[in-house]
Amino acid sequence: MIAAVKLSTWIEVRFAQNQLLVDELRTRINIGEAEAITLADEVKATHLLIDERLGRQAAKDLGLKVTGVLGILLAAKKEALITSVKPIMDNLVSQANFRISRQLYDEILDVANE
């Protein structure tokens, strides 16, 4: 998987420049989230893909729009790129230890009409 990412031509590796913001965010969240949020802010990203609750809140506090894996699944279903979100969510939970509350799980299925 890592080799495929490194060989892709559409992925660009960039590093956050504003280390003061990274350091400030590090008091609330981990380094990876702090770097991602700072970079998203620097490049004026339209959305940031992030799932952790504290990271999402930190990004929103900076005025960034966030979406998570489940939002991506709903968008993929809406665009007919996938036929169902349920088996993918189930795989995320069972194989990737993705945490999702029962309430959110049910809400996603409801929005997806499943």
PDB file of N, CA and C in Angstrom:
ATOM      1  N   MET A   1       0.820  -1.192   0.000  1.00  0.00           N
ATOM      2  CA  MET A   1       0.000   0.000   0.000  1.00  0.00           C
ATOM      3  C   MET A   1       0.867   1.260   0.000  1.00  0.00           C
ATOM      4  N   ILE A   2       1.864   1.313   0.852  1.00  0.00           N
ATOM      5  CA  ILE A   2       2.733   2.485   0.909  1.00  0.00           C
ATOM      6  C   ILE A   2       3.457   2.687  -0.420  1.00  0.00           C
ATOM      7  N   ALA A   3       3.900   1.600  -1.026  1.00  0.00           N
ATOM      8  CA  ALA A   3       4.582   1.702  -2.323  1.00  0.00           C
ATOM      9  C   ALA A   3       3.645   2.292  -3.371  1.00  0.00           C
ATOM     10  N   ALA A   4       2.380   1.879  -3.352  1.00  0.00           N
ATOM     11  CA  ALA A   4       1.416   2.404  -4.319  1.00  0.00           C
ATOM     12  C   ALA A   4       1.221   3.908  -4.134  1.00  0.00           C
ATOM     13  N   VAL A   5       1.204   4.354  -2.904  1.00  0.00           N
ATOM     14  CA  VAL A   5       1.051   5.780  -2.636  1.00  0.00           C
ATOM     15  C   VAL A   5       2.278   6.534  -3.139  1.00  0.00           C
ATOM     16  N   LYS A   6       3.461   6.011  -2.851  1.00  0.00           N
ATOM     17  CA  LYS A   6       4.695   6.673  -3.285  1.00  0.00           C
ATOM     18  C   LYS A   6       4.805   6.747  -4.807  1.00  0.00           C
ATOM     19  N   LEU A   7       4.257   5.754  -5.499  1.00  0.00           N
ATOM     20  CA  LEU A   7       4.343   5.719  -6.959  1.00  0.00           C
ATOM     21  C   LEU A   7       3.247   6.526  -7.654  1.00  0.00           C
ATOM     22  N   SER A   8       2.237   6.908  -6.909  1.00  0.00           N
ATOM     23  CA  SER A   8       1.138   7.635  -7.537  1.00  0.00           C
ATOM     24  C   SER A   8       1.610   9.017  -7.992  1.00  0.00           C
ATOM     25  N   THR A   9       1.025   9.466  -9.068  1.00  0.00           N
ATOM     26  CA  THR A   9       1.403  10.773  -9.609  1.00  0.00           C
ATOM     27  C   THR A   9       0.482  11.889  -9.128  1.00  0.00           C
ATOM     28  N   TRP A  10      -0.639  11.550  -8.520  1.00  0.00           N
ATOM     29  CA  TRP A  10      -1.596  12.564  -8.117  1.00  0.00           C
ATOM     30  C   TRP A  10      -1.458  12.980  -6.652  1.00  0.00           C
ATOM     31  N   ILE A  11      -0.588  12.308  -5.910  1.00  0.00           N
ATOM     32  CA  ILE A  11      -0.371  12.660  -4.506  1.00  0.00           C
ATOM     33  C   ILE A  11       0.886  13.513  -4.408  1.00  0.00           C
ATOM     34  N   GLU A  12       0.740  14.631  -3.739  1.00  0.00           N
ATOM     35  CA  GLU A  12       1.864  15.539  -3.551  1.00  0.00           C
ATOM     36  C   GLU A  12       2.173  15.619  -2.058  1.00  0.00           C
ATOM     37  N   VAL A  13       3.399  15.348  -1.680  1.00  0.00           N
ATOM     38  CA  VAL A  13       3.814  15.428  -0.279  1.00  0.00           C
ATOM     39  C   VAL A  13       4.191  16.870   0.030  1.00  0.00           C
ATOM     40  N   ARG A  14       3.554  17.410   1.065  1.00  0.00           N
ATOM     41  CA  ARG A  14       3.834  18.783   1.484  1.00  0.00           C
ATOM     42  C   ARG A  14       3.954  18.800   2.995  1.00  0.00           C
ATOM     43  N   PHE A  15       4.682  19.759   3.492  1.00  0.00           N
ATOM     44  CA  PHE A  15       4.898  19.885   4.923  1.00  0.00           C
ATOM     45  C   PHE A  15       4.381  21.233   5.400  1.00  0.00           C
ATOM     46  N   ALA A  16       3.808  21.231   6.580  1.00  0.00           N
ATOM     47  CA  ALA A  16       3.323  22.478   7.172  1.00  0.00           C
ATOM     48  C   ALA A  16       4.494  23.398   7.465  1.00  0.00           C
ATOM     49  N   GLN A  17       4.310  24.671   7.188  1.00  0.00           N
ATOM     50  CA  GLN A  17       5.350  25.667   7.425  1.00  0.00           C
ATOM     51  C   GLN A  17       5.185  26.378   8.771  1.00  0.00           C
ATOM     52  N   ASN A  18       3.953  26.561   9.198  1.00  0.00           N
ATOM     53  CA  ASN A  18       3.664  27.328  10.406  1.00  0.00           C
ATOM     54  C   ASN A  18       3.849  26.452  11.651  1.00  0.00           C
ATOM     55  N   GLN A  19       5.097  26.326  12.094  1.00  0.00           N
ATOM     56  CA  GLN A  19       5.387  25.469  13.240  1.00  0.00           C
ATOM     57  C   GLN A  19       4.823  26.022  14.547  1.00  0.00           C
ATOM     58  N   LEU A  20       4.573  27.318  14.609  1.00  0.00           N
ATOM     59  CA  LEU A  20       3.935  27.878  15.799  1.00  0.00           C
ATOM     60  C   LEU A  20       2.521  27.328  15.962  1.00  0.00           C
ATOM     61  N   LEU A  21       1.788  27.250  14.855  1.00  0.00           N
ATOM     62  CA  LEU A  21       0.438  26.687  14.905  1.00  0.00           C
ATOM     63  C   LEU A  21       0.495  25.196  15.210  1.00  0.00           C
ATOM     64  N   VAL A  22       1.431  24.489  14.599  1.00  0.00           N
ATOM     65  CA  VAL A  22       1.586  23.062  14.893  1.00  0.00           C
ATOM     66  C   VAL A  22       1.817  22.870  16.386  1.00  0.00           C
ATOM     67  N   ASP A  23       2.726  23.650  16.955  1.00  0.00           N
ATOM     68  CA  ASP A  23       3.033  23.530  18.384  1.00  0.00           C
ATOM     69  C   ASP A  23       1.828  23.862  19.253  1.00  0.00           C
ATOM     70  N   GLU A  24       1.077  24.887  18.858  1.00  0.00           N
ATOM     71  CA  GLU A  24      -0.130  25.253  19.606  1.00  0.00           C
ATOM     72  C   GLU A  24      -1.154  24.118  19.569  1.00  0.00           C
ATOM     73  N   LEU A  25      -1.366  23.549  18.393  1.00  0.00           N
ATOM     74  CA  LEU A  25      -2.324  22.453  18.252  1.00  0.00           C
ATOM     75  C   LEU A  25      -1.873  21.209  19.004  1.00  0.00           C
ATOM     76  N   ARG A  26      -0.566  20.999  19.089  1.00  0.00           N
ATOM     77  CA  ARG A  26      -0.019  19.827  19.787  1.00  0.00           C
ATOM     78  C   ARG A  26      -0.422  19.779  21.247  1.00  0.00           C
ATOM     79  N   THR A  27      -0.828  20.901  21.823  1.00  0.00           N
ATOM     80  CA  THR A  27      -1.277  20.887  23.213  1.00  0.00           C
ATOM     81  C   THR A  27      -2.638  20.215  23.336  1.00  0.00           C
ATOM     82  N   ARG A  28      -3.338  20.045  22.203  1.00  0.00           N
ATOM     83  CA  ARG A  28      -4.689  19.466  22.204  1.00  0.00           C
ATOM     84  C   ARG A  28      -4.783  18.137  21.471  1.00  0.00           C
ATOM     85  N   ILE A  29      -3.937  17.957  20.437  1.00  0.00           N
ATOM     86  CA  ILE A  29      -4.067  16.792  19.560  1.00  0.00           C
ATOM     87  C   ILE A  29      -2.684  16.242  19.218  1.00  0.00           C
ATOM     88  N   ASN A  30      -2.647  15.107  18.518  1.00  0.00           N
ATOM     89  CA  ASN A  30      -1.353  14.502  18.193  1.00  0.00           C
ATOM     90  C   ASN A  30      -0.678  15.222  17.018  1.00  0.00           C
ATOM     91  N   ILE A  31       0.587  14.905  16.815  1.00  0.00           N
ATOM     92  CA  ILE A  31       1.404  15.601  15.820  1.00  0.00           C
ATOM     93  C   ILE A  31       0.857  15.454  14.400  1.00  0.00           C
ATOM     94  N   GLY A  32       0.381  14.272  14.044  1.00  0.00           N
ATOM     95  CA  GLY A  32      -0.133  14.063  12.691  1.00  0.00           C
ATOM     96  C   GLY A  32      -1.346  14.925  12.400  1.00  0.00           C
ATOM     97  N   GLU A  33      -2.257  14.985  13.360  1.00  0.00           N
ATOM     98  CA  GLU A  33      -3.435  15.826  13.193  1.00  0.00           C
ATOM     99  C   GLU A  33      -3.047  17.305  13.161  1.00  0.00           C
ATOM    100  N   ALA A  34      -2.117  17.699  14.036  1.00  0.00           N
ATOM    101  CA  ALA A  34      -1.674  19.104  14.085  1.00  0.00           C
ATOM    102  C   ALA A  34      -1.056  19.524  12.752  1.00  0.00           C
ATOM    103  N   GLU A  35      -0.227  18.658  12.187  1.00  0.00           N
ATOM    104  CA  GLU A  35       0.398  18.956  10.893  1.00  0.00           C
ATOM    105  C   GLU A  35      -0.652  19.031   9.791  1.00  0.00           C
ATOM    106  N   ALA A  36      -1.576  18.075   9.779  1.00  0.00           N
ATOM    107  CA  ALA A  36      -2.611  18.051   8.730  1.00  0.00           C
ATOM    108  C   ALA A  36      -3.497  19.290   8.801  1.00  0.00           C
ATOM    109  N   ILE A  37      -3.897  19.673  10.001  1.00  0.00           N
ATOM    110  CA  ILE A  37      -4.746  20.848  10.167  1.00  0.00           C
ATOM    111  C   ILE A  37      -4.004  22.118   9.752  1.00  0.00           C
ATOM    112  N   THR A  38      -2.759  22.218  10.176  1.00  0.00           N
ATOM    113  CA  THR A  38      -1.961  23.398   9.819  1.00  0.00           C
ATOM    114  C   THR A  38      -1.784  23.485   8.312  1.00  0.00           C
ATOM    115  N   LEU A  39      -1.464  22.384   7.668  1.00  0.00           N
ATOM    116  CA  LEU A  39      -1.287  22.392   6.221  1.00  0.00           C
ATOM    117  C   LEU A  39      -2.594  22.738   5.515  1.00  0.00           C
ATOM    118  N   ALA A  40      -3.697  22.177   5.981  1.00  0.00           N
ATOM    119  CA  ALA A  40      -4.998  22.494   5.376  1.00  0.00           C
ATOM    120  C   ALA A  40      -5.289  23.986   5.482  1.00  0.00           C
ATOM    121  N   ASP A  41      -4.943  24.565   6.621  1.00  0.00           N
ATOM    122  CA  ASP A  41      -5.132  26.000   6.812  1.00  0.00           C
ATOM    123  C   ASP A  41      -4.232  26.798   5.865  1.00  0.00           C
ATOM    124  N   GLU A  42      -2.995  26.372   5.729  1.00  0.00           N
ATOM    125  CA  GLU A  42      -2.040  27.085   4.877  1.00  0.00           C
ATOM    126  C   GLU A  42      -2.423  27.057   3.404  1.00  0.00           C
ATOM    127  N   VAL A  43      -2.913  25.928   2.928  1.00  0.00           N
ATOM    128  CA  VAL A  43      -3.244  25.816   1.500  1.00  0.00           C
ATOM    129  C   VAL A  43      -4.686  26.217   1.215  1.00  0.00           C
ATOM    130  N   LYS A  44      -5.385  26.654   2.261  1.00  0.00           N
ATOM    131  CA  LYS A  44      -6.795  27.060   2.123  1.00  0.00           C
ATOM    132  C   LYS A  44      -7.642  25.929   1.538  1.00  0.00           C
ATOM    133  N   ALA A  45      -7.466  24.738   2.119  1.00  0.00           N
ATOM    134  CA  ALA A  45      -8.210  23.561   1.665  1.00  0.00           C
ATOM    135  C   ALA A  45      -9.710  23.773   1.840  1.00  0.00           C
ATOM    136  N   THR A  46     -10.481  23.221   0.911  1.00  0.00           N
ATOM    137  CA  THR A  46     -11.934  23.342   1.036  1.00  0.00           C
ATOM    138  C   THR A  46     -12.484  22.394   2.095  1.00  0.00           C
ATOM    139  N   HIS A  47     -11.821  21.271   2.312  1.00  0.00           N
ATOM    140  CA  HIS A  47     -12.218  20.296   3.335  1.00  0.00           C
ATOM    141  C   HIS A  47     -10.979  19.593   3.870  1.00  0.00           C
ATOM    142  N   LEU A  48     -11.101  19.097   5.075  1.00  0.00           N
ATOM    143  CA  LEU A  48     -10.052  18.293   5.686  1.00  0.00           C
ATOM    144  C   LEU A  48     -10.653  16.954   6.056  1.00  0.00           C
ATOM    145  N   LEU A  49     -10.015  15.879   5.632  1.00  0.00           N
ATOM    146  CA  LEU A  49     -10.465  14.530   5.978  1.00  0.00           C
ATOM    147  C   LEU A  49      -9.849  14.165   7.314  1.00  0.00           C
ATOM    148  N   ILE A  50     -10.688  14.089   8.342  1.00  0.00           N
ATOM    149  CA  ILE A  50     -10.222  13.799   9.699  1.00  0.00           C
ATOM    150  C   ILE A  50     -11.366  13.179  10.487  1.00  0.00           C
ATOM    151  N   ASP A  51     -11.045  12.172  11.270  1.00  0.00           N
ATOM    152  CA  ASP A  51     -12.093  11.468  12.009  1.00  0.00           C
ATOM    153  C   ASP A  51     -12.046  11.670  13.523  1.00  0.00           C
ATOM    154  N   GLU A  52     -10.893  11.890  14.078  1.00  0.00           N
ATOM    155  CA  GLU A  52     -10.783  12.021  15.533  1.00  0.00           C
ATOM    156  C   GLU A  52     -11.545  13.243  16.032  1.00  0.00           C
ATOM    157  N   ARG A  53     -12.312  13.057  17.096  1.00  0.00           N
ATOM    158  CA  ARG A  53     -13.171  14.107  17.633  1.00  0.00           C
ATOM    159  C   ARG A  53     -12.391  15.381  17.980  1.00  0.00           C
ATOM    160  N   LEU A  54     -11.290  15.248  18.712  1.00  0.00           N
ATOM    161  CA  LEU A  54     -10.533  16.431  19.113  1.00  0.00           C
ATOM    162  C   LEU A  54      -9.896  17.130  17.915  1.00  0.00           C
ATOM    163  N   GLY A  55      -9.439  16.351  16.953  1.00  0.00           N
ATOM    164  CA  GLY A  55      -8.867  16.922  15.742  1.00  0.00           C
ATOM    165  C   GLY A  55      -9.916  17.657  14.923  1.00  0.00           C
ATOM    166  N   ARG A  56     -11.094  17.078  14.829  1.00  0.00           N
ATOM    167  CA  ARG A  56     -12.182  17.724  14.100  1.00  0.00           C
ATOM    168  C   ARG A  56     -12.533  19.069  14.738  1.00  0.00           C
ATOM    169  N   GLN A  57     -12.589  19.084  16.076  1.00  0.00           N
ATOM    170  CA  GLN A  57     -12.926  20.319  16.770  1.00  0.00           C
ATOM    171  C   GLN A  57     -11.842  21.370  16.577  1.00  0.00           C
ATOM    172  N   ALA A  58     -10.586  20.961  16.656  1.00  0.00           N
ATOM    173  CA  ALA A  58      -9.480  21.902  16.450  1.00  0.00           C
ATOM    174  C   ALA A  58      -9.533  22.502  15.045  1.00  0.00           C
ATOM    175  N   ALA A  59      -9.831  21.677  14.054  1.00  0.00           N
ATOM    176  CA  ALA A  59      -9.939  22.159  12.670  1.00  0.00           C
ATOM    177  C   ALA A  59     -11.111  23.127  12.526  1.00  0.00           C
ATOM    178  N   LYS A  60     -12.233  22.783  13.119  1.00  0.00           N
ATOM    179  CA  LYS A  60     -13.401  23.673  13.057  1.00  0.00           C
ATOM    180  C   LYS A  60     -13.119  25.000  13.745  1.00  0.00           C
ATOM    181  N   ASP A  61     -12.350  24.950  14.841  1.00  0.00           N
ATOM    182  CA  ASP A  61     -12.009  26.185  15.552  1.00  0.00           C
ATOM    183  C   ASP A  61     -11.218  27.140  14.660  1.00  0.00           C
ATOM    184  N   LEU A  62     -10.502  26.595  13.683  1.00  0.00           N
ATOM    185  CA  LEU A  62      -9.746  27.424  12.733  1.00  0.00           C
ATOM    186  C   LEU A  62     -10.578  27.795  11.506  1.00  0.00           C
ATOM    187  N   GLY A  63     -11.834  27.365  11.501  1.00  0.00           N
ATOM    188  CA  GLY A  63     -12.711  27.700  10.383  1.00  0.00           C
ATOM    189  C   GLY A  63     -12.633  26.726   9.218  1.00  0.00           C
ATOM    190  N   LEU A  64     -11.990  25.577   9.426  1.00  0.00           N
ATOM    191  CA  LEU A  64     -11.898  24.582   8.356  1.00  0.00           C
ATOM    192  C   LEU A  64     -13.156  23.734   8.313  1.00  0.00           C
ATOM    193  N   LYS A  65     -13.532  23.322   7.131  1.00  0.00           N
ATOM    194  CA  LYS A  65     -14.638  22.386   6.968  1.00  0.00           C
ATOM    195  C   LYS A  65     -14.043  20.984   7.021  1.00  0.00           C
ATOM    196  N   VAL A  66     -14.695  20.108   7.766  1.00  0.00           N
ATOM    197  CA  VAL A  66     -14.168  18.750   7.930  1.00  0.00           C
ATOM    198  C   VAL A  66     -15.177  17.715   7.455  1.00  0.00           C
ATOM    199  N   THR A  67     -14.634  16.605   7.048  1.00  0.00           N
ATOM    200  CA  THR A  67     -15.436  15.425   6.771  1.00  0.00           C
ATOM    201  C   THR A  67     -14.606  14.237   7.218  1.00  0.00           C
ATOM    202  N   GLY A  68     -15.285  13.131   7.433  1.00  0.00           N
ATOM    203  CA  GLY A  68     -14.590  11.926   7.864  1.00  0.00           C
ATOM    204  C   GLY A  68     -14.796  10.804   6.871  1.00  0.00           C
ATOM    205  N   VAL A  69     -14.304   9.664   7.229  1.00  0.00           N
ATOM    206  CA  VAL A  69     -14.428   8.489   6.363  1.00  0.00           C
ATOM    207  C   VAL A  69     -15.894   8.196   6.061  1.00  0.00           C
ATOM    208  N   LEU A  70     -16.740   8.324   7.060  1.00  0.00           N
ATOM    209  CA  LEU A  70     -18.158   8.021   6.844  1.00  0.00           C
ATOM    210  C   LEU A  70     -18.798   9.027   5.885  1.00  0.00           C
ATOM    211  N   GLY A  71     -18.398  10.265   5.965  1.00  0.00           N
ATOM    212  CA  GLY A  71     -18.881  11.266   5.016  1.00  0.00           C
ATOM    213  C   GLY A  71     -18.430  10.956   3.602  1.00  0.00           C
ATOM    214  N   ILE A  72     -17.215  10.452   3.471  1.00  0.00           N
ATOM    215  CA  ILE A  72     -16.702  10.053   2.154  1.00  0.00           C
ATOM    216  C   ILE A  72     -17.518   8.873   1.615  1.00  0.00           C
ATOM    217  N   LEU A  73     -17.846   7.935   2.494  1.00  0.00           N
ATOM    218  CA  LEU A  73     -18.667   6.789   2.059  1.00  0.00           C
ATOM    219  C   LEU A  73     -20.036   7.255   1.576  1.00  0.00           C
ATOM    220  N   LEU A  74     -20.649   8.179   2.302  1.00  0.00           N
ATOM    221  CA  LEU A  74     -21.960   8.688   1.875  1.00  0.00           C
ATOM    222  C   LEU A  74     -21.856   9.407   0.530  1.00  0.00           C
ATOM    223  N   ALA A  75     -20.808  10.182   0.345  1.00  0.00           N
ATOM    224  CA  ALA A  75     -20.615  10.872  -0.931  1.00  0.00           C
ATOM    225  C   ALA A  75     -20.383   9.873  -2.057  1.00  0.00           C
ATOM    226  N   ALA A  76     -19.633   8.815  -1.778  1.00  0.00           N
ATOM    227  CA  ALA A  76     -19.367   7.792  -2.794  1.00  0.00           C
ATOM    228  C   ALA A  76     -20.651   7.077  -3.193  1.00  0.00           C
ATOM    229  N   LYS A  77     -21.509   6.816  -2.217  1.00  0.00           N
ATOM    230  CA  LYS A  77     -22.783   6.170  -2.553  1.00  0.00           C
ATOM    231  C   LYS A  77     -23.658   7.120  -3.361  1.00  0.00           C
ATOM    232  N   LYS A  78     -23.696   8.375  -2.967  1.00  0.00           N
ATOM    233  CA  LYS A  78     -24.503   9.363  -3.692  1.00  0.00           C
ATOM    234  C   LYS A  78     -24.059   9.475  -5.146  1.00  0.00           C
ATOM    235  N   GLU A  79     -22.759   9.351  -5.382  1.00  0.00           N
ATOM    236  CA  GLU A  79     -22.209   9.434  -6.738  1.00  0.00           C
ATOM    237  C   GLU A  79     -22.209   8.077  -7.450  1.00  0.00           C
ATOM    238  N   ALA A  80     -22.809   7.067  -6.825  1.00  0.00           N
ATOM    239  CA  ALA A  80     -22.895   5.710  -7.377  1.00  0.00           C
ATOM    240  C   ALA A  80     -21.520   5.070  -7.594  1.00  0.00           C
ATOM    241  N   LEU A  81     -20.563   5.462  -6.761  1.00  0.00           N
ATOM    242  CA  LEU A  81     -19.244   4.834  -6.825  1.00  0.00           C
ATOM    243  C   LEU A  81     -19.215   3.544  -6.018  1.00  0.00           C
ATOM    244  N   ILE A  82     -20.115   3.455  -5.052  1.00  0.00           N
ATOM    245  CA  ILE A  82     -20.323   2.224  -4.284  1.00  0.00           C
ATOM    246  C   ILE A  82     -21.822   1.990  -4.196  1.00  0.00           C
ATOM    247  N   THR A  83     -22.213   0.747  -3.968  1.00  0.00           N
ATOM    248  CA  THR A  83     -23.642   0.437  -3.902  1.00  0.00           C
ATOM    249  C   THR A  83     -24.177   0.434  -2.481  1.00  0.00           C
ATOM    250  N   SER A  84     -23.289   0.247  -1.502  1.00  0.00           N
ATOM    251  CA  SER A  84     -23.735   0.158  -0.117  1.00  0.00           C
ATOM    252  C   SER A  84     -22.620   0.587   0.830  1.00  0.00           C
ATOM    253  N   VAL A  85     -22.994   1.337   1.879  1.00  0.00           N
ATOM    254  CA  VAL A  85     -22.003   1.738   2.877  1.00  0.00           C
ATOM    255  C   VAL A  85     -21.884   0.723   4.009  1.00  0.00           C
ATOM    256  N   LYS A  86     -22.942  -0.044   4.245  1.00  0.00           N
ATOM    257  CA  LYS A  86     -22.956  -0.956   5.394  1.00  0.00           C
ATOM    258  C   LYS A  86     -21.809  -1.958   5.391  1.00  0.00           C
ATOM    259  N   PRO A  87     -21.559  -2.687   4.319  1.00  0.00           N
ATOM    260  CA  PRO A  87     -20.459  -3.655   4.387  1.00  0.00           C
ATOM    261  C   PRO A  87     -19.088  -2.988   4.565  1.00  0.00           C
ATOM    262  N   ILE A  88     -18.948  -1.793   4.052  1.00  0.00           N
ATOM    263  CA  ILE A  88     -17.670  -1.090   4.210  1.00  0.00           C
ATOM    264  C   ILE A  88     -17.516  -0.637   5.657  1.00  0.00           C
ATOM    265  N   MET A  89     -18.590  -0.106   6.245  1.00  0.00           N
ATOM    266  CA  MET A  89     -18.530   0.270   7.662  1.00  0.00           C
ATOM    267  C   MET A  89     -18.235  -0.940   8.523  1.00  0.00           C
ATOM    268  N   ASP A  90     -18.891  -2.057   8.222  1.00  0.00           N
ATOM    269  CA  ASP A  90     -18.667  -3.282   9.002  1.00  0.00           C
ATOM    270  C   ASP A  90     -17.215  -3.730   8.897  1.00  0.00           C
ATOM    271  N   ASN A  91     -16.633  -3.639   7.711  1.00  0.00           N
ATOM    272  CA  ASN A  91     -15.220  -3.999   7.538  1.00  0.00           C
ATOM    273  C   ASN A  91     -14.306  -3.038   8.285  1.00  0.00           C
ATOM    274  N   LEU A  92     -14.626  -1.764   8.257  1.00  0.00           N
ATOM    275  CA  LEU A  92     -13.823  -0.794   8.997  1.00  0.00           C
ATOM    276  C   LEU A  92     -13.807  -1.126  10.487  1.00  0.00           C
ATOM    277  N   VAL A  93     -14.970  -1.477  11.020  1.00  0.00           N
ATOM    278  CA  VAL A  93     -15.079  -1.803  12.445  1.00  0.00           C
ATOM    279  C   VAL A  93     -14.339  -3.101  12.764  1.00  0.00           C
ATOM    280  N   SER A  94     -14.565  -4.128  11.951  1.00  0.00           N
ATOM    281  CA  SER A  94     -13.998  -5.441  12.277  1.00  0.00           C
ATOM    282  C   SER A  94     -12.532  -5.599  11.894  1.00  0.00           C
ATOM    283  N   GLN A  95     -12.100  -4.949  10.836  1.00  0.00           N
ATOM    284  CA  GLN A  95     -10.735  -5.170  10.356  1.00  0.00           C
ATOM    285  C   GLN A  95      -9.777  -4.024  10.663  1.00  0.00           C
ATOM    286  N   ALA A  96     -10.294  -2.814  10.813  1.00  0.00           N
ATOM    287  CA  ALA A  96      -9.411  -1.667  11.033  1.00  0.00           C
ATOM    288  C   ALA A  96      -9.606  -1.042  12.417  1.00  0.00           C
ATOM    289  N   ASN A  97     -10.413  -1.699  13.241  1.00  0.00           N
ATOM    290  CA  ASN A  97     -10.700  -1.182  14.593  1.00  0.00           C
ATOM    291  C   ASN A  97     -11.234   0.239  14.579  1.00  0.00           C
ATOM    292  N   PHE A  98     -11.988   0.566  13.541  1.00  0.00           N
ATOM    293  CA  PHE A  98     -12.628   1.878  13.423  1.00  0.00           C
ATOM    294  C   PHE A  98     -13.730   1.944  14.466  1.00  0.00           C
ATOM    295  N   ARG A  99     -13.723   3.010  15.253  1.00  0.00           N
ATOM    296  CA  ARG A  99     -14.729   3.146  16.309  1.00  0.00           C
ATOM    297  C   ARG A  99     -15.875   4.023  15.822  1.00  0.00           C
ATOM    298  N   ILE A 100     -17.063   3.510  16.011  1.00  0.00           N
ATOM    299  CA  ILE A 100     -18.265   4.255  15.628  1.00  0.00           C
ATOM    300  C   ILE A 100     -19.368   3.896  16.612  1.00  0.00           C
ATOM    301  N   SER A 101     -20.037   4.888  17.122  1.00  0.00           N
ATOM    302  CA  SER A 101     -21.123   4.615  18.061  1.00  0.00           C
ATOM    303  C   SER A 101     -22.284   3.961  17.321  1.00  0.00           C
ATOM    304  N   ARG A 102     -23.072   3.235  18.053  1.00  0.00           N
ATOM    305  CA  ARG A 102     -24.250   2.583  17.449  1.00  0.00           C
ATOM    306  C   ARG A 102     -25.191   3.636  16.867  1.00  0.00           C
ATOM    307  N   GLN A 103     -25.324   4.760  17.576  1.00  0.00           N
ATOM    308  CA  GLN A 103     -26.208   5.830  17.104  1.00  0.00           C
ATOM    309  C   GLN A 103     -25.726   6.377  15.760  1.00  0.00           C
ATOM    310  N   LEU A 104     -24.421   6.674  15.647  1.00  0.00           N
ATOM    311  CA  LEU A 104     -23.891   7.206  14.393  1.00  0.00           C
ATOM    312  C   LEU A 104     -23.980   6.163  13.287  1.00  0.00           C
ATOM    313  N   TYR A 105     -23.695   4.905  13.620  1.00  0.00           N
ATOM    314  CA  TYR A 105     -23.801   3.812  12.651  1.00  0.00           C
ATOM    315  C   TYR A 105     -25.215   3.786  12.059  1.00  0.00           C
ATOM    316  N   ASP A 106     -26.212   3.839  12.936  1.00  0.00           N
ATOM    317  CA  ASP A 106     -27.608   3.812  12.484  1.00  0.00           C
ATOM    318  C   ASP A 106     -27.966   5.065  11.681  1.00  0.00           C
ATOM    319  N   GLU A 107     -27.442   6.228  12.097  1.00  0.00           N
ATOM    320  CA  GLU A 107     -27.714   7.466  11.365  1.00  0.00           C
ATOM    321  C   GLU A 107     -27.130   7.413   9.952  1.00  0.00           C
ATOM    322  N   ILE A 108     -25.943   6.883   9.813  1.00  0.00           N
ATOM    323  CA  ILE A 108     -25.307   6.776   8.497  1.00  0.00           C
ATOM    324  C   ILE A 108     -26.127   5.855   7.608  1.00  0.00           C
ATOM    325  N   LEU A 109     -26.564   4.729   8.158  1.00  0.00           N
ATOM    326  CA  LEU A 109     -27.391   3.815   7.362  1.00  0.00           C
ATOM    327  C   LEU A 109     -28.697   4.476   6.957  1.00  0.00           C
ATOM    328  N   ASP A 110     -29.271   5.269   7.855  1.00  0.00           N
ATOM    329  CA  ASP A 110     -30.512   5.968   7.546  1.00  0.00           C
ATOM    330  C   ASP A 110     -30.299   6.972   6.399  1.00  0.00           C
ATOM    331  N   VAL A 111     -29.240   7.756   6.492  1.00  0.00           N
ATOM    332  CA  VAL A 111     -28.946   8.734   5.441  1.00  0.00           C
ATOM    333  C   VAL A 111     -28.671   8.025   4.112  1.00  0.00           C
ATOM    334  N   ALA A 112     -28.043   6.847   4.188  1.00  0.00           N
ATOM    335  CA  ALA A 112     -27.711   6.090   2.983  1.00  0.00           C
ATOM    336  C   ALA A 112     -28.905   5.282   2.460  1.00  0.00           C
ATOM    337  N   ASN A 113     -30.028   5.348   3.172  1.00  0.00           N
ATOM    338  CA  ASN A 113     -31.222   4.563   2.813  1.00  0.00           C
ATOM    339  C   ASN A 113     -30.929   3.071   2.784  1.00  0.00           C
ATOM    340  N   GLU A 114     -30.257   2.622   3.814  1.00  0.00           N
ATOM    341  CA  GLU A 114     -29.944   1.188   3.923  1.00  0.00           C
ATOM    342  C   GLU A 114     -30.551   0.614   5.186  1.00  0.00           C
TER     343      GLU A 114
END
